Amino acid sequence: MKIPKRYQNFLKEHPAVASAYEALGTSVHSAGPLDAKTRELVKIGISIGARMEGAVHSHVRKALENGAREDEIRHVALLTLPTLGFPSIMASLSWLEDVLKKPQRKKK
């Protein structure tokens, strides 16, 4: 996976903080029974709810890398509709498609 330039800069500028952040992520991921694909699908939903476009992009990429299908990813967005409303789902669908429709992405 290509690491975004902003995060690459963060790694260089604040290596100790980045290391602690990554260790926290590793600990949280291993703290429960969910597999990597399921965790990333959950994180897509959380990112949509928080209206964090960059996080949606990141977790869509990670979900794909962990075997999620496009229909599963889109289903996560649909599940947010009753709680977040129509305008939010329209925005989140566009964020998903930013990643899913990238021409250089190879479909599995």
N, C-alpha and C. Protein backbone atom coordinates (compact mmCIF):
# COMPACT_ATOMS: atom_id res chain seq x y z
N MET A 1 0.84 -1.18 0.00
CA MET A 1 0.00 0.00 0.00
C MET A 1 0.89 1.24 0.00
N LYS A 2 0.50 2.21 -0.78
CA LYS A 2 1.23 3.48 -0.83
C LYS A 2 0.89 4.29 0.42
N ILE A 3 1.91 4.72 1.12
CA ILE A 3 1.72 5.53 2.31
C ILE A 3 1.58 6.99 1.88
N PRO A 4 0.50 7.68 2.31
CA PRO A 4 0.31 9.08 1.93
C PRO A 4 1.50 9.95 2.36
N LYS A 5 1.80 10.93 1.54
CA LYS A 5 2.94 11.82 1.77
C LYS A 5 2.84 12.51 3.13
N ARG A 6 1.66 12.93 3.51
CA ARG A 6 1.48 13.62 4.79
C ARG A 6 1.92 12.72 5.94
N TYR A 7 1.57 11.42 5.86
CA TYR A 7 1.96 10.49 6.92
C TYR A 7 3.45 10.20 6.86
N GLN A 8 4.02 10.12 5.68
CA GLN A 8 5.46 9.94 5.55
C GLN A 8 6.20 11.09 6.23
N ASN A 9 5.71 12.31 6.01
CA ASN A 9 6.32 13.47 6.66
C ASN A 9 6.18 13.40 8.17
N PHE A 10 5.00 12.97 8.64
CA PHE A 10 4.77 12.82 10.07
C PHE A 10 5.76 11.82 10.68
N LEU A 11 5.98 10.70 9.97
CA LEU A 11 6.94 9.70 10.44
C LEU A 11 8.34 10.29 10.60
N LYS A 12 8.75 11.13 9.65
CA LYS A 12 10.09 11.75 9.72
C LYS A 12 10.17 12.82 10.79
N GLU A 13 9.11 13.62 10.91
CA GLU A 13 9.13 14.75 11.84
C GLU A 13 8.92 14.33 13.29
N HIS A 14 8.18 13.25 13.51
CA HIS A 14 7.83 12.84 14.88
C HIS A 14 7.95 11.32 15.02
N PRO A 15 9.14 10.78 14.87
CA PRO A 15 9.28 9.32 14.87
C PRO A 15 8.82 8.64 16.16
N ALA A 16 9.07 9.25 17.30
CA ALA A 16 8.67 8.63 18.57
C ALA A 16 7.15 8.58 18.70
N VAL A 17 6.50 9.67 18.32
CA VAL A 17 5.03 9.72 18.39
C VAL A 17 4.44 8.73 17.39
N ALA A 18 4.99 8.69 16.18
CA ALA A 18 4.51 7.76 15.16
C ALA A 18 4.67 6.32 15.62
N SER A 19 5.77 6.02 16.24
CA SER A 19 6.02 4.67 16.74
C SER A 19 5.01 4.29 17.81
N ALA A 20 4.74 5.21 18.73
CA ALA A 20 3.77 4.95 19.79
C ALA A 20 2.37 4.78 19.21
N TYR A 21 2.03 5.60 18.22
CA TYR A 21 0.73 5.51 17.56
C TYR A 21 0.56 4.16 16.87
N GLU A 22 1.60 3.72 16.16
CA GLU A 22 1.55 2.43 15.47
C GLU A 22 1.48 1.27 16.46
N ALA A 23 2.18 1.39 17.59
CA ALA A 23 2.12 0.35 18.62
C ALA A 23 0.72 0.25 19.22
N LEU A 24 0.08 1.40 19.43
CA LEU A 24 -1.29 1.41 19.93
C LEU A 24 -2.21 0.69 18.95
N GLY A 25 -2.07 1.02 17.66
CA GLY A 25 -2.89 0.36 16.63
C GLY A 25 -2.70 -1.14 16.63
N THR A 26 -1.45 -1.58 16.74
CA THR A 26 -1.15 -3.01 16.77
C THR A 26 -1.80 -3.66 17.99
N SER A 27 -1.72 -3.02 19.14
CA SER A 27 -2.32 -3.56 20.36
C SER A 27 -3.83 -3.65 20.25
N VAL A 28 -4.45 -2.62 19.73
CA VAL A 28 -5.91 -2.61 19.59
C VAL A 28 -6.36 -3.70 18.61
N HIS A 29 -5.63 -3.85 17.52
CA HIS A 29 -6.01 -4.87 16.53
C HIS A 29 -5.92 -6.27 17.10
N SER A 30 -4.97 -6.52 17.96
CA SER A 30 -4.80 -7.87 18.49
C SER A 30 -5.59 -8.11 19.77
N ALA A 31 -6.35 -7.13 20.22
CA ALA A 31 -7.06 -7.23 21.50
C ALA A 31 -8.37 -8.02 21.41
N GLY A 32 -8.81 -8.35 20.21
CA GLY A 32 -10.09 -9.03 20.09
C GLY A 32 -10.11 -10.05 18.98
N PRO A 33 -11.28 -10.65 18.76
CA PRO A 33 -11.39 -11.76 17.83
C PRO A 33 -11.63 -11.40 16.36
N LEU A 34 -11.82 -10.13 16.04
CA LEU A 34 -12.14 -9.78 14.66
C LEU A 34 -10.95 -9.97 13.74
N ASP A 35 -11.22 -10.49 12.54
CA ASP A 35 -10.14 -10.64 11.57
C ASP A 35 -9.86 -9.29 10.89
N ALA A 36 -8.78 -9.23 10.14
CA ALA A 36 -8.33 -7.96 9.55
C ALA A 36 -9.37 -7.36 8.62
N LYS A 37 -10.01 -8.17 7.80
CA LYS A 37 -11.02 -7.65 6.87
C LYS A 37 -12.18 -7.03 7.64
N THR A 38 -12.67 -7.73 8.64
CA THR A 38 -13.79 -7.23 9.44
C THR A 38 -13.41 -5.94 10.15
N ARG A 39 -12.20 -5.90 10.72
CA ARG A 39 -11.76 -4.68 11.40
C ARG A 39 -11.76 -3.49 10.44
N GLU A 40 -11.28 -3.69 9.23
CA GLU A 40 -11.23 -2.58 8.27
C GLU A 40 -12.62 -2.15 7.84
N LEU A 41 -13.54 -3.11 7.69
CA LEU A 41 -14.92 -2.74 7.35
C LEU A 41 -15.54 -1.92 8.49
N VAL A 42 -15.30 -2.32 9.72
CA VAL A 42 -15.79 -1.55 10.87
C VAL A 42 -15.18 -0.15 10.85
N LYS A 43 -13.89 -0.07 10.57
CA LYS A 43 -13.22 1.24 10.56
C LYS A 43 -13.74 2.13 9.43
N ILE A 44 -14.16 1.53 8.32
CA ILE A 44 -14.79 2.34 7.27
C ILE A 44 -16.06 2.98 7.83
N GLY A 45 -16.88 2.18 8.51
CA GLY A 45 -18.11 2.72 9.11
C GLY A 45 -17.84 3.82 10.11
N ILE A 46 -16.84 3.61 10.96
CA ILE A 46 -16.48 4.63 11.95
C ILE A 46 -16.02 5.90 11.24
N SER A 47 -15.20 5.75 10.23
CA SER A 47 -14.66 6.91 9.50
C SER A 47 -15.77 7.67 8.78
N ILE A 48 -16.73 6.93 8.23
CA ILE A 48 -17.88 7.59 7.59
C ILE A 48 -18.65 8.38 8.64
N GLY A 49 -18.92 7.76 9.78
CA GLY A 49 -19.67 8.43 10.84
C GLY A 49 -18.98 9.68 11.35
N ALA A 50 -17.66 9.64 11.38
CA ALA A 50 -16.89 10.80 11.84
C ALA A 50 -16.64 11.82 10.72
N ARG A 51 -17.10 11.49 9.50
CA ARG A 51 -16.94 12.35 8.31
C ARG A 51 -15.46 12.66 8.05
N MET A 52 -14.64 11.60 8.13
CA MET A 52 -13.20 11.73 7.93
C MET A 52 -12.84 11.13 6.57
N GLU A 53 -12.85 11.95 5.55
CA GLU A 53 -12.64 11.49 4.18
C GLU A 53 -11.32 10.74 4.01
N GLY A 54 -10.24 11.29 4.53
CA GLY A 54 -8.94 10.63 4.40
C GLY A 54 -8.91 9.27 5.07
N ALA A 55 -9.56 9.16 6.22
CA ALA A 55 -9.62 7.87 6.91
C ALA A 55 -10.46 6.86 6.12
N VAL A 56 -11.54 7.33 5.48
CA VAL A 56 -12.33 6.44 4.63
C VAL A 56 -11.45 5.92 3.50
N HIS A 57 -10.73 6.80 2.84
CA HIS A 57 -9.81 6.37 1.76
C HIS A 57 -8.85 5.31 2.27
N SER A 58 -8.21 5.58 3.40
CA SER A 58 -7.21 4.68 3.96
C SER A 58 -7.81 3.31 4.29
N HIS A 59 -8.96 3.30 4.95
CA HIS A 59 -9.54 2.03 5.38
C HIS A 59 -10.16 1.27 4.21
N VAL A 60 -10.59 1.96 3.17
CA VAL A 60 -11.04 1.25 1.97
C VAL A 60 -9.85 0.52 1.34
N ARG A 61 -8.72 1.21 1.23
CA ARG A 61 -7.52 0.57 0.68
C ARG A 61 -7.12 -0.65 1.52
N LYS A 62 -7.12 -0.48 2.83
CA LYS A 62 -6.73 -1.57 3.73
C LYS A 62 -7.74 -2.72 3.68
N ALA A 63 -9.02 -2.39 3.58
CA ALA A 63 -10.04 -3.44 3.47
C ALA A 63 -9.83 -4.26 2.20
N LEU A 64 -9.56 -3.59 1.09
CA LEU A 64 -9.30 -4.30 -0.16
C LEU A 64 -8.08 -5.21 -0.02
N GLU A 65 -7.02 -4.69 0.60
CA GLU A 65 -5.81 -5.49 0.80
C GLU A 65 -6.06 -6.71 1.67
N ASN A 66 -7.07 -6.62 2.53
CA ASN A 66 -7.38 -7.73 3.43
C ASN A 66 -8.54 -8.59 2.92
N GLY A 67 -8.85 -8.45 1.63
CA GLY A 67 -9.80 -9.36 1.01
C GLY A 67 -11.24 -8.91 0.94
N ALA A 68 -11.54 -7.68 1.33
CA ALA A 68 -12.93 -7.21 1.23
C ALA A 68 -13.29 -7.00 -0.23
N ARG A 69 -14.52 -7.33 -0.55
CA ARG A 69 -15.04 -7.10 -1.90
C ARG A 69 -15.66 -5.70 -1.96
N GLU A 70 -15.75 -5.17 -3.17
CA GLU A 70 -16.34 -3.85 -3.36
C GLU A 70 -17.78 -3.81 -2.84
N ASP A 71 -18.56 -4.87 -3.06
CA ASP A 71 -19.94 -4.86 -2.60
C ASP A 71 -20.03 -4.85 -1.08
N GLU A 72 -19.07 -5.47 -0.39
CA GLU A 72 -19.04 -5.42 1.08
C GLU A 72 -18.73 -4.01 1.55
N ILE A 73 -17.80 -3.35 0.89
CA ILE A 73 -17.43 -1.99 1.27
C ILE A 73 -18.60 -1.03 1.05
N ARG A 74 -19.27 -1.17 -0.08
CA ARG A 74 -20.43 -0.31 -0.35
C ARG A 74 -21.57 -0.59 0.63
N HIS A 75 -21.71 -1.85 1.05
CA HIS A 75 -22.74 -2.19 2.01
C HIS A 75 -22.51 -1.47 3.34
N VAL A 76 -21.26 -1.37 3.75
CA VAL A 76 -20.94 -0.63 4.98
C VAL A 76 -21.48 0.80 4.89
N ALA A 77 -21.27 1.44 3.75
CA ALA A 77 -21.77 2.81 3.58
C ALA A 77 -23.30 2.83 3.66
N LEU A 78 -23.95 1.88 3.01
CA LEU A 78 -25.42 1.84 3.06
C LEU A 78 -25.93 1.67 4.48
N LEU A 79 -25.21 0.90 5.28
CA LEU A 79 -25.63 0.69 6.68
C LEU A 79 -25.63 1.98 7.49
N THR A 80 -24.90 2.98 7.05
CA THR A 80 -24.86 4.25 7.79
C THR A 80 -26.07 5.14 7.49
N LEU A 81 -26.81 4.84 6.44
CA LEU A 81 -27.91 5.71 6.01
C LEU A 81 -28.94 6.00 7.09
N PRO A 82 -29.51 5.01 7.77
CA PRO A 82 -30.54 5.34 8.76
C PRO A 82 -30.03 6.22 9.90
N THR A 83 -28.78 6.07 10.25
CA THR A 83 -28.23 6.83 11.37
C THR A 83 -27.72 8.20 10.95
N LEU A 84 -27.03 8.27 9.82
CA LEU A 84 -26.36 9.51 9.42
C LEU A 84 -27.15 10.36 8.44
N GLY A 85 -28.07 9.75 7.70
CA GLY A 85 -28.89 10.51 6.76
C GLY A 85 -28.34 10.50 5.33
N PHE A 86 -29.20 10.94 4.43
CA PHE A 86 -28.91 10.87 3.00
C PHE A 86 -27.71 11.72 2.57
N PRO A 87 -27.60 12.98 2.99
CA PRO A 87 -26.43 13.76 2.55
C PRO A 87 -25.10 13.12 2.96
N SER A 88 -25.06 12.54 4.16
CA SER A 88 -23.82 11.90 4.62
C SER A 88 -23.47 10.68 3.78
N ILE A 89 -24.49 9.89 3.43
CA ILE A 89 -24.19 8.70 2.64
C ILE A 89 -23.74 9.09 1.24
N MET A 90 -24.30 10.14 0.70
CA MET A 90 -23.87 10.57 -0.63
C MET A 90 -22.40 10.99 -0.61
N ALA A 91 -22.01 11.71 0.43
CA ALA A 91 -20.60 12.10 0.55
C ALA A 91 -19.73 10.87 0.72
N SER A 92 -20.15 9.96 1.60
CA SER A 92 -19.31 8.79 1.87
C SER A 92 -19.19 7.88 0.64
N LEU A 93 -20.24 7.75 -0.13
CA LEU A 93 -20.15 6.95 -1.35
C LEU A 93 -19.13 7.55 -2.32
N SER A 94 -19.07 8.87 -2.38
CA SER A 94 -18.07 9.49 -3.27
C SER A 94 -16.67 9.22 -2.75
N TRP A 95 -16.48 9.18 -1.44
CA TRP A 95 -15.15 8.90 -0.88
C TRP A 95 -14.75 7.45 -1.17
N LEU A 96 -15.71 6.53 -1.05
CA LEU A 96 -15.41 5.14 -1.39
C LEU A 96 -14.98 5.02 -2.84
N GLU A 97 -15.73 5.68 -3.70
CA GLU A 97 -15.46 5.57 -5.13
C GLU A 97 -14.13 6.22 -5.51
N ASP A 98 -13.68 7.20 -4.73
CA ASP A 98 -12.35 7.78 -4.97
C ASP A 98 -11.30 6.68 -5.04
N VAL A 99 -11.45 5.68 -4.18
CA VAL A 99 -10.49 4.57 -4.12
C VAL A 99 -10.91 3.44 -5.06
N LEU A 100 -12.18 3.07 -5.02
CA LEU A 100 -12.64 1.91 -5.79
C LEU A 100 -12.53 2.12 -7.30
N LYS A 101 -12.67 3.34 -7.75
CA LYS A 101 -12.67 3.62 -9.19
C LYS A 101 -11.32 4.09 -9.71
N LYS A 102 -10.28 4.08 -8.88
CA LYS A 102 -8.96 4.51 -9.34
C LYS A 102 -8.55 3.64 -10.53
N PRO A 103 -8.15 4.26 -11.64
CA PRO A 103 -7.82 3.47 -12.83
C PRO A 103 -6.64 2.52 -12.63
N GLN A 104 -5.68 2.88 -11.79
CA GLN A 104 -4.51 2.02 -11.62
C GLN A 104 -4.76 0.86 -10.67
N ARG A 105 -5.92 0.84 -9.98
CA ARG A 105 -6.21 -0.25 -9.06
C ARG A 105 -6.59 -1.50 -9.83
N LYS A 106 -5.93 -2.58 -9.50
CA LYS A 106 -6.22 -3.88 -10.13
C LYS A 106 -7.33 -4.56 -9.35
N LYS A 107 -8.40 -4.91 -10.04
CA LYS A 107 -9.52 -5.60 -9.38
C LYS A 107 -9.18 -7.06 -9.19
N LYS A 108 -9.60 -7.60 -8.06
CA LYS A 108 -9.37 -9.02 -7.76
C LYS A 108 -10.57 -9.83 -8.17
